[in-house]
Every structure is written in structure tokens, then in C-alpha cells.
Amino acid sequence: MAADNISRSTSWNDKITNHGGKKLEEFIAGIILHFINEDNGRKAFESSRRKSNINLTITNNQMLGEVKKWDIPEEENASDHNLIKFSVRLNKHNREGKHYAEKTCRMKK
């Protein structure tokens, strides 16, 4: 799940935690989901006035180990929200057993 929110928290690598961030942390923990934002030195939102990590990537227990290569790449775009890129390993079954395919996802506002 991807979310663009106004809540800020050090749990998803922002520099502060505000009231909304604390409430969202509690909600996500209460329904057993996980933030997978990683700190790569770039912020998901960058404007001339501020930078923050208000864009979240959230997953459940089953997908937690399948989401890989989460990144905010240094790619230009026309938005003040930077691209978020990650791969999801998909478990596909065939007659011989399991094999895996990886799908790269790119999110932007």
C-alpha cells in the first residue's frame, strides 16, 4: 500500500514525529502492518520550503519479506514528491514447484 499523508514520524525516517504521526504509528501497529520506507538520505517530499518523508510504503506480514530494493532514486520529475521505487517478489506456482518473478514498482504523485 502506498500513502501520501501529512503525518510525520521518525519511524519512517522523518526528522520529527508529530501528533498525526504518532496516531498513524499506533494504528498501523494495531492492525499489524509495517512501514518499509528506508533511509537513503533523500526525502520523499521536497519543496523549496521543506523536505519530509510523508509518502509511505506499507505492507502486511505476508509481503514483508517480498518487498525489496526500496529506494528514492535521484530521478527528475515534475512533482515535489520524489519517485519511490521498489521490487516485489511474486511467488508463482507451476507443475514443477515454485518459481519467483520480481516486479519493479514506481510510485509518484
PDB file of N, CA and C in Angstrom:
ATOM      1  N   MET A   1       0.851  -1.157   0.000  1.00  0.00           N
ATOM      2  CA  MET A   1       0.000   0.000   0.000  1.00  0.00           C
ATOM      3  C   MET A   1       0.900   1.225   0.000  1.00  0.00           C
ATOM      4  N   ALA A   2       0.534   2.199  -0.766  1.00  0.00           N
ATOM      5  CA  ALA A   2       1.261   3.469  -0.777  1.00  0.00           C
ATOM      6  C   ALA A   2       0.340   4.545  -0.225  1.00  0.00           C
ATOM      7  N   ALA A   3       0.920   5.451   0.565  1.00  0.00           N
ATOM      8  CA  ALA A   3       0.106   6.501   1.174  1.00  0.00           C
ATOM      9  C   ALA A   3       0.831   7.834   1.110  1.00  0.00           C
ATOM     10  N   ASP A   4       0.103   8.851   0.712  1.00  0.00           N
ATOM     11  CA  ASP A   4       0.581  10.233   0.764  1.00  0.00           C
ATOM     12  C   ASP A   4      -0.184  10.875   1.900  1.00  0.00           C
ATOM     13  N   ASN A   5       0.505  11.178   2.989  1.00  0.00           N
ATOM     14  CA  ASN A   5      -0.197  11.684   4.171  1.00  0.00           C
ATOM     15  C   ASN A   5       0.553  12.876   4.743  1.00  0.00           C
ATOM     16  N   ILE A   6      -0.055  13.550   5.665  1.00  0.00           N
ATOM     17  CA  ILE A   6       0.593  14.713   6.287  1.00  0.00           C
ATOM     18  C   ILE A   6       1.209  14.368   7.634  1.00  0.00           C
ATOM     19  N   SER A   7       1.164  13.108   7.991  1.00  0.00           N
ATOM     20  CA  SER A   7       1.725  12.661   9.261  1.00  0.00           C
ATOM     21  C   SER A   7       3.224  12.461   9.114  1.00  0.00           C
ATOM     22  N   ARG A   8       3.956  12.891  10.124  1.00  0.00           N
ATOM     23  CA  ARG A   8       5.409  12.764  10.106  1.00  0.00           C
ATOM     24  C   ARG A   8       5.852  11.928  11.296  1.00  0.00           C
ATOM     25  N   SER A   9       6.870  11.071  11.075  1.00  0.00           N
ATOM     26  CA  SER A   9       7.364  10.232  12.164  1.00  0.00           C
ATOM     27  C   SER A   9       8.786   9.775  11.887  1.00  0.00           C
ATOM     28  N   THR A  10       9.556   9.672  12.948  1.00  0.00           N
ATOM     29  CA  THR A  10      10.890   9.106  12.824  1.00  0.00           C
ATOM     30  C   THR A  10      10.816   7.616  12.495  1.00  0.00           C
ATOM     31  N   SER A  11       9.674   6.982  12.695  1.00  0.00           N
ATOM     32  CA  SER A  11       9.507   5.565  12.335  1.00  0.00           C
ATOM     33  C   SER A  11       9.669   5.335  10.842  1.00  0.00           C
ATOM     34  N   TRP A  12       9.339   6.349  10.035  1.00  0.00           N
ATOM     35  CA  TRP A  12       9.550   6.241   8.586  1.00  0.00           C
ATOM     36  C   TRP A  12      10.596   7.246   8.116  1.00  0.00           C
ATOM     37  N   ASN A  13      11.580   7.469   8.967  1.00  0.00           N
ATOM     38  CA  ASN A  13      12.790   8.236   8.647  1.00  0.00           C
ATOM     39  C   ASN A  13      12.558   9.715   8.392  1.00  0.00           C
ATOM     40  N   ASP A  14      11.557  10.286   9.026  1.00  0.00           N
ATOM     41  CA  ASP A  14      11.416  11.736   9.004  1.00  0.00           C
ATOM     42  C   ASP A  14      12.210  12.269  10.196  1.00  0.00           C
ATOM     43  N   LYS A  15      12.450  13.568  10.233  1.00  0.00           N
ATOM     44  CA  LYS A  15      13.270  14.103  11.329  1.00  0.00           C
ATOM     45  C   LYS A  15      12.465  14.388  12.595  1.00  0.00           C
ATOM     46  N   ILE A  16      11.132  14.438  12.494  1.00  0.00           N
ATOM     47  CA  ILE A  16      10.285  14.677  13.663  1.00  0.00           C
ATOM     48  C   ILE A  16       9.106  13.707  13.661  1.00  0.00           C
ATOM     49  N   THR A  17       8.457  13.604  14.805  1.00  0.00           N
ATOM     50  CA  THR A  17       7.189  12.885  14.910  1.00  0.00           C
ATOM     51  C   THR A  17       6.153  13.891  15.383  1.00  0.00           C
ATOM     52  N   ASN A  18       5.100  14.085  14.581  1.00  0.00           N
ATOM     53  CA  ASN A  18       4.027  14.984  15.001  1.00  0.00           C
ATOM     54  C   ASN A  18       2.851  14.160  15.545  1.00  0.00           C
ATOM     55  N   HIS A  19       1.807  14.847  15.996  1.00  0.00           N
ATOM     56  CA  HIS A  19       0.655  14.162  16.592  1.00  0.00           C
ATOM     57  C   HIS A  19       0.037  13.155  15.614  1.00  0.00           C
ATOM     58  N   GLY A  20      -0.130  13.558  14.365  1.00  0.00           N
ATOM     59  CA  GLY A  20      -0.685  12.648  13.359  1.00  0.00           C
ATOM     60  C   GLY A  20       0.210  11.444  13.123  1.00  0.00           C
ATOM     61  N   GLY A  21       1.518  11.656  13.172  1.00  0.00           N
ATOM     62  CA  GLY A  21       2.463  10.559  13.003  1.00  0.00           C
ATOM     63  C   GLY A  21       2.353   9.540  14.119  1.00  0.00           C
ATOM     64  N   LYS A  22       2.222  10.020  15.348  1.00  0.00           N
ATOM     65  CA  LYS A  22       2.063   9.114  16.488  1.00  0.00           C
ATOM     66  C   LYS A  22       0.778   8.298  16.362  1.00  0.00           C
ATOM     67  N   LYS A  23      -0.304   8.955  15.962  1.00  0.00           N
ATOM     68  CA  LYS A  23      -1.586   8.251  15.792  1.00  0.00           C
ATOM     69  C   LYS A  23      -1.499   7.212  14.679  1.00  0.00           C
ATOM     70  N   LEU A  24      -0.835   7.566  13.567  1.00  0.00           N
ATOM     71  CA  LEU A  24      -0.700   6.617  12.465  1.00  0.00           C
ATOM     72  C   LEU A  24       0.188   5.442  12.859  1.00  0.00           C
ATOM     73  N   GLU A  25       1.261   5.696  13.593  1.00  0.00           N
ATOM     74  CA  GLU A  25       2.107   4.612  14.115  1.00  0.00           C
ATOM     75  C   GLU A  25       1.272   3.623  14.924  1.00  0.00           C
ATOM     76  N   GLU A  26       0.457   4.138  15.840  1.00  0.00           N
ATOM     77  CA  GLU A  26      -0.375   3.297  16.695  1.00  0.00           C
ATOM     78  C   GLU A  26      -1.391   2.506  15.883  1.00  0.00           C
ATOM     79  N   PHE A  27      -2.010   3.153  14.906  1.00  0.00           N
ATOM     80  CA  PHE A  27      -2.999   2.483  14.061  1.00  0.00           C
ATOM     81  C   PHE A  27      -2.358   1.346  13.264  1.00  0.00           C
ATOM     82  N   ILE A  28      -1.231   1.625  12.613  1.00  0.00           N
ATOM     83  CA  ILE A  28      -0.551   0.619  11.791  1.00  0.00           C
ATOM     84  C   ILE A  28      -0.081  -0.557  12.657  1.00  0.00           C
ATOM     85  N   ALA A  29       0.478  -0.272  13.821  1.00  0.00           N
ATOM     86  CA  ALA A  29       0.909  -1.339  14.729  1.00  0.00           C
ATOM     87  C   ALA A  29      -0.283  -2.154  15.220  1.00  0.00           C
ATOM     88  N   GLY A  30      -1.409  -1.494  15.457  1.00  0.00           N
ATOM     89  CA  GLY A  30      -2.603  -2.172  15.964  1.00  0.00           C
ATOM     90  C   GLY A  30      -3.222  -3.137  14.978  1.00  0.00           C
ATOM     91  N   ILE A  31      -3.052  -2.885  13.679  1.00  0.00           N
ATOM     92  CA  ILE A  31      -3.606  -3.812  12.679  1.00  0.00           C
ATOM     93  C   ILE A  31      -2.497  -4.649  12.033  1.00  0.00           C
ATOM     94  N   ILE A  32      -1.332  -4.636  12.655  1.00  0.00           N
ATOM     95  CA  ILE A  32      -0.178  -5.469  12.285  1.00  0.00           C
ATOM     96  C   ILE A  32       0.243  -5.258  10.831  1.00  0.00           C
ATOM     97  N   LEU A  33       0.570  -4.022  10.524  1.00  0.00           N
ATOM     98  CA  LEU A  33       1.183  -3.682   9.239  1.00  0.00           C
ATOM     99  C   LEU A  33       2.571  -3.120   9.525  1.00  0.00           C
ATOM    100  N   HIS A  34       3.362  -2.928   8.494  1.00  0.00           N
ATOM    101  CA  HIS A  34       4.747  -2.493   8.654  1.00  0.00           C
ATOM    102  C   HIS A  34       5.091  -1.399   7.653  1.00  0.00           C
ATOM    103  N   PHE A  35       5.853  -0.403   8.094  1.00  0.00           N
ATOM    104  CA  PHE A  35       6.405   0.615   7.206  1.00  0.00           C
ATOM    105  C   PHE A  35       7.666   0.033   6.591  1.00  0.00           C
ATOM    106  N   ILE A  36       7.849   0.194   5.292  1.00  0.00           N
ATOM    107  CA  ILE A  36       9.079  -0.314   4.695  1.00  0.00           C
ATOM    108  C   ILE A  36       9.946   0.798   4.114  1.00  0.00           C
ATOM    109  N   ASN A  37       9.605   2.034   4.413  1.00  0.00           N
ATOM    110  CA  ASN A  37      10.459   3.143   3.982  1.00  0.00           C
ATOM    111  C   ASN A  37      11.855   2.960   4.575  1.00  0.00           C
ATOM    112  N   GLU A  38      12.867   3.157   3.750  1.00  0.00           N
ATOM    113  CA  GLU A  38      14.247   3.063   4.198  1.00  0.00           C
ATOM    114  C   GLU A  38      14.897   4.435   4.109  1.00  0.00           C
ATOM    115  N   ASP A  39      15.929   4.634   4.881  1.00  0.00           N
ATOM    116  CA  ASP A  39      16.640   5.908   4.872  1.00  0.00           C
ATOM    117  C   ASP A  39      17.790   5.832   3.877  1.00  0.00           C
ATOM    118  N   ASN A  40      17.620   6.484   2.733  1.00  0.00           N
ATOM    119  CA  ASN A  40      18.704   6.512   1.750  1.00  0.00           C
ATOM    120  C   ASN A  40      19.275   7.928   1.605  1.00  0.00           C
ATOM    121  N   GLY A  41      18.918   8.802   2.539  1.00  0.00           N
ATOM    122  CA  GLY A  41      19.435  10.165   2.509  1.00  0.00           C
ATOM    123  C   GLY A  41      18.573  11.150   1.741  1.00  0.00           C
ATOM    124  N   ARG A  42      17.625  10.669   0.960  1.00  0.00           N
ATOM    125  CA  ARG A  42      16.721  11.539   0.219  1.00  0.00           C
ATOM    126  C   ARG A  42      15.357  11.516   0.896  1.00  0.00           C
ATOM    127  N   LYS A  43      14.597  12.558   0.704  1.00  0.00           N
ATOM    128  CA  LYS A  43      13.249  12.647   1.262  1.00  0.00           C
ATOM    129  C   LYS A  43      12.224  12.403   0.158  1.00  0.00           C
ATOM    130  N   ALA A  44      11.077  11.845   0.530  1.00  0.00           N
ATOM    131  CA  ALA A  44      10.022  11.565  -0.436  1.00  0.00           C
ATOM    132  C   ALA A  44       9.349  12.842  -0.936  1.00  0.00           C
ATOM    133  N   PHE A  45       9.334  13.875  -0.100  1.00  0.00           N
ATOM    134  CA  PHE A  45       8.732  15.158  -0.472  1.00  0.00           C
ATOM    135  C   PHE A  45       9.804  16.233  -0.331  1.00  0.00           C
ATOM    136  N   GLU A  46      10.009  17.021  -1.386  1.00  0.00           N
ATOM    137  CA  GLU A  46      10.985  18.105  -1.358  1.00  0.00           C
ATOM    138  C   GLU A  46      10.409  19.313  -2.087  1.00  0.00           C
ATOM    139  N   SER A  47      10.212  20.385  -1.347  1.00  0.00           N
ATOM    140  CA  SER A  47       9.776  21.641  -1.968  1.00  0.00           C
ATOM    141  C   SER A  47      10.799  22.709  -1.608  1.00  0.00           C
ATOM    142  N   SER A  48      10.588  23.905  -2.078  1.00  0.00           N
ATOM    143  CA  SER A  48      11.506  24.994  -1.758  1.00  0.00           C
ATOM    144  C   SER A  48      11.426  25.377  -0.279  1.00  0.00           C
ATOM    145  N   ARG A  49      10.333  25.011   0.388  1.00  0.00           N
ATOM    146  CA  ARG A  49      10.140  25.366   1.804  1.00  0.00           C
ATOM    147  C   ARG A  49      10.507  24.276   2.789  1.00  0.00           C
ATOM    148  N   ARG A  50      10.363  22.992   2.380  1.00  0.00           N
ATOM    149  CA  ARG A  50      10.658  21.930   3.334  1.00  0.00           C
ATOM    150  C   ARG A  50      10.882  20.592   2.629  1.00  0.00           C
ATOM    151  N   LYS A  51      11.452  19.680   3.409  1.00  0.00           N
ATOM    152  CA  LYS A  51      11.662  18.302   2.979  1.00  0.00           C
ATOM    153  C   LYS A  51      11.129  17.400   4.077  1.00  0.00           C
ATOM    154  N   SER A  52      10.462  16.324   3.692  1.00  0.00           N
ATOM    155  CA  SER A  52       9.959  15.387   4.692  1.00  0.00           C
ATOM    156  C   SER A  52       9.657  14.043   4.042  1.00  0.00           C
ATOM    157  N   ASN A  53       9.408  13.076   4.874  1.00  0.00           N
ATOM    158  CA  ASN A  53       9.001  11.755   4.394  1.00  0.00           C
ATOM    159  C   ASN A  53       7.532  11.540   4.743  1.00  0.00           C
ATOM    160  N   ILE A  54       6.662  12.126   3.945  1.00  0.00           N
ATOM    161  CA  ILE A  54       5.229  11.982   4.186  1.00  0.00           C
ATOM    162  C   ILE A  54       4.599  10.945   3.262  1.00  0.00           C
ATOM    163  N   ASN A  55       5.382  10.383   2.348  1.00  0.00           N
ATOM    164  CA  ASN A  55       4.885   9.322   1.479  1.00  0.00           C
ATOM    165  C   ASN A  55       5.360   7.990   2.045  1.00  0.00           C
ATOM    166  N   LEU A  56       4.433   7.109   2.298  1.00  0.00           N
ATOM    167  CA  LEU A  56       4.737   5.847   2.970  1.00  0.00           C
ATOM    168  C   LEU A  56       4.482   4.655   2.072  1.00  0.00           C
ATOM    169  N   THR A  57       5.271   3.622   2.282  1.00  0.00           N
ATOM    170  CA  THR A  57       5.021   2.320   1.681  1.00  0.00           C
ATOM    171  C   THR A  57       4.784   1.381   2.851  1.00  0.00           C
ATOM    172  N   ILE A  58       3.627   0.733   2.839  1.00  0.00           N
ATOM    173  CA  ILE A  58       3.167  -0.070   3.975  1.00  0.00           C
ATOM    174  C   ILE A  58       2.834  -1.467   3.469  1.00  0.00           C
ATOM    175  N   THR A  59       3.171  -2.489   4.260  1.00  0.00           N
ATOM    176  CA  THR A  59       2.873  -3.863   3.855  1.00  0.00           C
ATOM    177  C   THR A  59       2.399  -4.691   5.050  1.00  0.00           C
ATOM    178  N   ASN A  60       1.864  -5.858   4.746  1.00  0.00           N
ATOM    179  CA  ASN A  60       1.427  -6.777   5.796  1.00  0.00           C
ATOM    180  C   ASN A  60       2.519  -7.814   6.064  1.00  0.00           C
ATOM    181  N   ASN A  61       2.291  -8.711   7.014  1.00  0.00           N
ATOM    182  CA  ASN A  61       3.281  -9.725   7.372  1.00  0.00           C
ATOM    183  C   ASN A  61       3.654 -10.619   6.198  1.00  0.00           C
ATOM    184  N   GLN A  62       2.656 -11.031   5.404  1.00  0.00           N
ATOM    185  CA  GLN A  62       2.922 -11.953   4.305  1.00  0.00           C
ATOM    186  C   GLN A  62       3.839 -11.347   3.251  1.00  0.00           C
ATOM    187  N   MET A  63       3.725 -10.065   2.991  1.00  0.00           N
ATOM    188  CA  MET A  63       4.521  -9.426   1.942  1.00  0.00           C
ATOM    189  C   MET A  63       5.797  -8.777   2.467  1.00  0.00           C
ATOM    190  N   LEU A  64       5.982  -8.737   3.773  1.00  0.00           N
ATOM    191  CA  LEU A  64       7.125  -8.022   4.348  1.00  0.00           C
ATOM    192  C   LEU A  64       8.457  -8.499   3.775  1.00  0.00           C
ATOM    193  N   GLY A  65       8.640  -9.783   3.657  1.00  0.00           N
ATOM    194  CA  GLY A  65       9.891 -10.322   3.117  1.00  0.00           C
ATOM    195  C   GLY A  65       9.976 -10.302   1.611  1.00  0.00           C
ATOM    196  N   GLU A  66       8.896  -9.946   0.946  1.00  0.00           N
ATOM    197  CA  GLU A  66       8.860  -9.972  -0.520  1.00  0.00           C
ATOM    198  C   GLU A  66       9.146  -8.609  -1.155  1.00  0.00           C
ATOM    199  N   VAL A  67       9.101  -7.551  -0.370  1.00  0.00           N
ATOM    200  CA  VAL A  67       9.361  -6.206  -0.888  1.00  0.00           C
ATOM    201  C   VAL A  67      10.848  -5.928  -0.727  1.00  0.00           C
ATOM    202  N   LYS A  68      11.518  -5.661  -1.837  1.00  0.00           N
ATOM    203  CA  LYS A  68      12.973  -5.486  -1.849  1.00  0.00           C
ATOM    204  C   LYS A  68      13.334  -4.187  -2.570  1.00  0.00           C
ATOM    205  N   LYS A  69      14.560  -3.765  -2.390  1.00  0.00           N
ATOM    206  CA  LYS A  69      15.157  -2.651  -3.137  1.00  0.00           C
ATOM    207  C   LYS A  69      14.353  -1.359  -3.036  1.00  0.00           C
ATOM    208  N   TRP A  70      13.789  -1.069  -1.861  1.00  0.00           N
ATOM    209  CA  TRP A  70      13.033   0.178  -1.676  1.00  0.00           C
ATOM    210  C   TRP A  70      14.010   1.337  -1.807  1.00  0.00           C
ATOM    211  N   ASP A  71      13.643   2.354  -2.596  1.00  0.00           N
ATOM    212  CA  ASP A  71      14.567   3.445  -2.849  1.00  0.00           C
ATOM    213  C   ASP A  71      13.819   4.701  -3.292  1.00  0.00           C
ATOM    214  N   ILE A  72      14.425   5.835  -3.016  1.00  0.00           N
ATOM    215  CA  ILE A  72      14.001   7.105  -3.596  1.00  0.00           C
ATOM    216  C   ILE A  72      15.123   7.505  -4.547  1.00  0.00           C
ATOM    217  N   PRO A  73      14.999   7.153  -5.826  1.00  0.00           N
ATOM    218  CA  PRO A  73      16.101   7.405  -6.756  1.00  0.00           C
ATOM    219  C   PRO A  73      16.248   8.890  -7.087  1.00  0.00           C
ATOM    220  N   GLU A  74      17.409   9.249  -7.545  1.00  0.00           N
ATOM    221  CA  GLU A  74      17.676  10.629  -7.941  1.00  0.00           C
ATOM    222  C   GLU A  74      17.251  10.838  -9.393  1.00  0.00           C
ATOM    223  N   GLU A  75      15.976  10.713  -9.639  1.00  0.00           N
ATOM    224  CA  GLU A  75      15.416  10.920 -10.976  1.00  0.00           C
ATOM    225  C   GLU A  75      14.563  12.175 -10.963  1.00  0.00           C
ATOM    226  N   GLU A  76      14.708  12.969 -11.989  1.00  0.00           N
ATOM    227  CA  GLU A  76      13.919  14.191 -12.106  1.00  0.00           C
ATOM    228  C   GLU A  76      12.467  13.856 -12.442  1.00  0.00           C
ATOM    229  N   ASN A  77      11.552  14.618 -11.875  1.00  0.00           N
ATOM    230  CA  ASN A  77      10.145  14.514 -12.253  1.00  0.00           C
ATOM    231  C   ASN A  77       9.517  15.879 -12.014  1.00  0.00           C
ATOM    232  N   ALA A  78       8.309  16.068 -12.475  1.00  0.00           N
ATOM    233  CA  ALA A  78       7.663  17.383 -12.424  1.00  0.00           C
ATOM    234  C   ALA A  78       6.888  17.630 -11.133  1.00  0.00           C
ATOM    235  N   SER A  79       7.066  16.785 -10.148  1.00  0.00           N
ATOM    236  CA  SER A  79       6.324  16.896  -8.899  1.00  0.00           C
ATOM    237  C   SER A  79       7.268  17.255  -7.759  1.00  0.00           C
ATOM    238  N   ASP A  80       6.706  17.790  -6.663  1.00  0.00           N
ATOM    239  CA  ASP A  80       7.513  17.994  -5.465  1.00  0.00           C
ATOM    240  C   ASP A  80       7.589  16.711  -4.633  1.00  0.00           C
ATOM    241  N   HIS A  81       6.905  15.663  -5.081  1.00  0.00           N
ATOM    242  CA  HIS A  81       7.013  14.341  -4.480  1.00  0.00           C
ATOM    243  C   HIS A  81       7.973  13.530  -5.338  1.00  0.00           C
ATOM    244  N   ASN A  82       9.045  13.038  -4.732  1.00  0.00           N
ATOM    245  CA  ASN A  82      10.006  12.231  -5.469  1.00  0.00           C
ATOM    246  C   ASN A  82       9.445  10.853  -5.769  1.00  0.00           C
ATOM    247  N   LEU A  83      10.025  10.205  -6.767  1.00  0.00           N
ATOM    248  CA  LEU A  83       9.647   8.840  -7.093  1.00  0.00           C
ATOM    249  C   LEU A  83      10.040   7.919  -5.952  1.00  0.00           C
ATOM    250  N   ILE A  84       9.254   6.894  -5.723  1.00  0.00           N
ATOM    251  CA  ILE A  84       9.605   5.815  -4.808  1.00  0.00           C
ATOM    252  C   ILE A  84       9.608   4.555  -5.649  1.00  0.00           C
ATOM    253  N   LYS A  85      10.683   3.810  -5.542  1.00  0.00           N
ATOM    254  CA  LYS A  85      10.834   2.626  -6.375  1.00  0.00           C
ATOM    255  C   LYS A  85      11.125   1.427  -5.476  1.00  0.00           C
ATOM    256  N   PHE A  86      10.483   0.289  -5.756  1.00  0.00           N
ATOM    257  CA  PHE A  86      10.754  -0.936  -5.012  1.00  0.00           C
ATOM    258  C   PHE A  86      10.373  -2.125  -5.869  1.00  0.00           C
ATOM    259  N   SER A  87      10.863  -3.283  -5.494  1.00  0.00           N
ATOM    260  CA  SER A  87      10.536  -4.520  -6.199  1.00  0.00           C
ATOM    261  C   SER A  87       9.717  -5.409  -5.273  1.00  0.00           C
ATOM    262  N   VAL A  88       8.825  -6.162  -5.873  1.00  0.00           N
ATOM    263  CA  VAL A  88       8.013  -7.129  -5.136  1.00  0.00           C
ATOM    264  C   VAL A  88       8.277  -8.498  -5.747  1.00  0.00           C
ATOM    265  N   ARG A  89       8.697  -9.428  -4.920  1.00  0.00           N
ATOM    266  CA  ARG A  89       8.923 -10.786  -5.395  1.00  0.00           C
ATOM    267  C   ARG A  89       7.587 -11.510  -5.392  1.00  0.00           C
ATOM    268  N   LEU A  90       7.190 -11.981  -6.541  1.00  0.00           N
ATOM    269  CA  LEU A  90       5.913 -12.665  -6.687  1.00  0.00           C
ATOM    270  C   LEU A  90       6.143 -14.166  -6.678  1.00  0.00           C
ATOM    271  N   ASN A  91       5.412 -14.875  -5.861  1.00  0.00           N
ATOM    272  CA  ASN A  91       5.522 -16.321  -5.768  1.00  0.00           C
ATOM    273  C   ASN A  91       4.526 -16.926  -6.741  1.00  0.00           C
ATOM    274  N   LYS A  92       5.044 -17.572  -7.776  1.00  0.00           N
ATOM    275  CA  LYS A  92       4.176 -18.207  -8.764  1.00  0.00           C
ATOM    276  C   LYS A  92       4.374 -19.717  -8.686  1.00  0.00           C
ATOM    277  N   HIS A  93       3.293 -20.446  -8.806  1.00  0.00           N
ATOM    278  CA  HIS A  93       3.366 -21.901  -8.751  1.00  0.00           C
ATOM    279  C   HIS A  93       3.231 -22.462 -10.161  1.00  0.00           C
ATOM    280  N   ASN A  94       3.985 -23.505 -10.431  1.00  0.00           N
ATOM    281  CA  ASN A  94       3.806 -24.249 -11.671  1.00  0.00           C
ATOM    282  C   ASN A  94       3.876 -25.737 -11.339  1.00  0.00           C
ATOM    283  N   ARG A  95       3.810 -26.591 -12.325  1.00  0.00           N
ATOM    284  CA  ARG A  95       3.790 -28.029 -12.062  1.00  0.00           C
ATOM    285  C   ARG A  95       5.071 -28.534 -11.405  1.00  0.00           C
ATOM    286  N   GLU A  96       6.170 -27.903 -11.692  1.00  0.00           N
ATOM    287  CA  GLU A  96       7.449 -28.321 -11.129  1.00  0.00           C
ATOM    288  C   GLU A  96       7.672 -27.781  -9.725  1.00  0.00           C
ATOM    289  N   GLY A  97       6.846 -26.889  -9.251  1.00  0.00           N
ATOM    290  CA  GLY A  97       7.026 -26.300  -7.936  1.00  0.00           C
ATOM    291  C   GLY A  97       6.959 -24.786  -8.018  1.00  0.00           C
ATOM    292  N   LYS A  98       7.696 -24.145  -7.148  1.00  0.00           N
ATOM    293  CA  LYS A  98       7.652 -22.688  -7.082  1.00  0.00           C
ATOM    294  C   LYS A  98       8.740 -22.070  -7.948  1.00  0.00           C
ATOM    295  N   HIS A  99       8.457 -20.924  -8.492  1.00  0.00           N
ATOM    296  CA  HIS A  99       9.493 -20.071  -9.051  1.00  0.00           C
ATOM    297  C   HIS A  99       9.097 -18.636  -8.752  1.00  0.00           C
ATOM    298  N   TYR A 100      10.048 -17.757  -8.834  1.00  0.00           N
ATOM    299  CA  TYR A 100       9.804 -16.385  -8.422  1.00  0.00           C
ATOM    300  C   TYR A 100      10.019 -15.417  -9.569  1.00  0.00           C
ATOM    301  N   ALA A 101       9.201 -14.411  -9.592  1.00  0.00           N
ATOM    302  CA  ALA A 101       9.366 -13.317 -10.544  1.00  0.00           C
ATOM    303  C   ALA A 101       9.431 -12.034  -9.723  1.00  0.00           C
ATOM    304  N   GLU A 102      10.196 -11.084 -10.189  1.00  0.00           N
ATOM    305  CA  GLU A 102      10.312  -9.821  -9.476  1.00  0.00           C
ATOM    306  C   GLU A 102       9.704  -8.716 -10.324  1.00  0.00           C
ATOM    307  N   LYS A 103       8.849  -7.924  -9.736  1.00  0.00           N
ATOM    308  CA  LYS A 103       8.186  -6.809 -10.403  1.00  0.00           C
ATOM    309  C   LYS A 103       8.650  -5.522  -9.753  1.00  0.00           C
ATOM    310  N   THR A 104       9.130  -4.585 -10.549  1.00  0.00           N
ATOM    311  CA  THR A 104       9.553  -3.301 -10.027  1.00  0.00           C
ATOM    312  C   THR A 104       8.403  -2.313 -10.106  1.00  0.00           C
ATOM    313  N   CYS A 105       8.147  -1.632  -9.016  1.00  0.00           N
ATOM    314  CA  CYS A 105       7.053  -0.671  -8.933  1.00  0.00           C
ATOM    315  C   CYS A 105       7.639   0.732  -8.807  1.00  0.00           C
ATOM    316  N   ARG A 106       7.040   1.680  -9.478  1.00  0.00           N
ATOM    317  CA  ARG A 106       7.456   3.075  -9.387  1.00  0.00           C
ATOM    318  C   ARG A 106       6.238   3.888  -9.029  1.00  0.00           C
ATOM    319  N   MET A 107       6.334   4.622  -7.941  1.00  0.00           N
ATOM    320  CA  MET A 107       5.200   5.437  -7.490  1.00  0.00           C
ATOM    321  C   MET A 107       5.581   6.894  -7.575  1.00  0.00           C
ATOM    322  N   LYS A 108       4.650   7.676  -8.064  1.00  0.00           N
ATOM    323  CA  LYS A 108       4.802   9.128  -7.961  1.00  0.00           C
ATOM    324  C   LYS A 108       3.424   9.725  -7.866  1.00  0.00           C
ATOM    325  N   LYS A 109       3.360  10.886  -7.286  1.00  0.00           N
ATOM    326  CA  LYS A 109       2.077  11.555  -7.090  1.00  0.00           C
ATOM    327  C   LYS A 109       1.592  12.121  -8.398  1.00  0.00           C
TER     328      LYS A 109
END
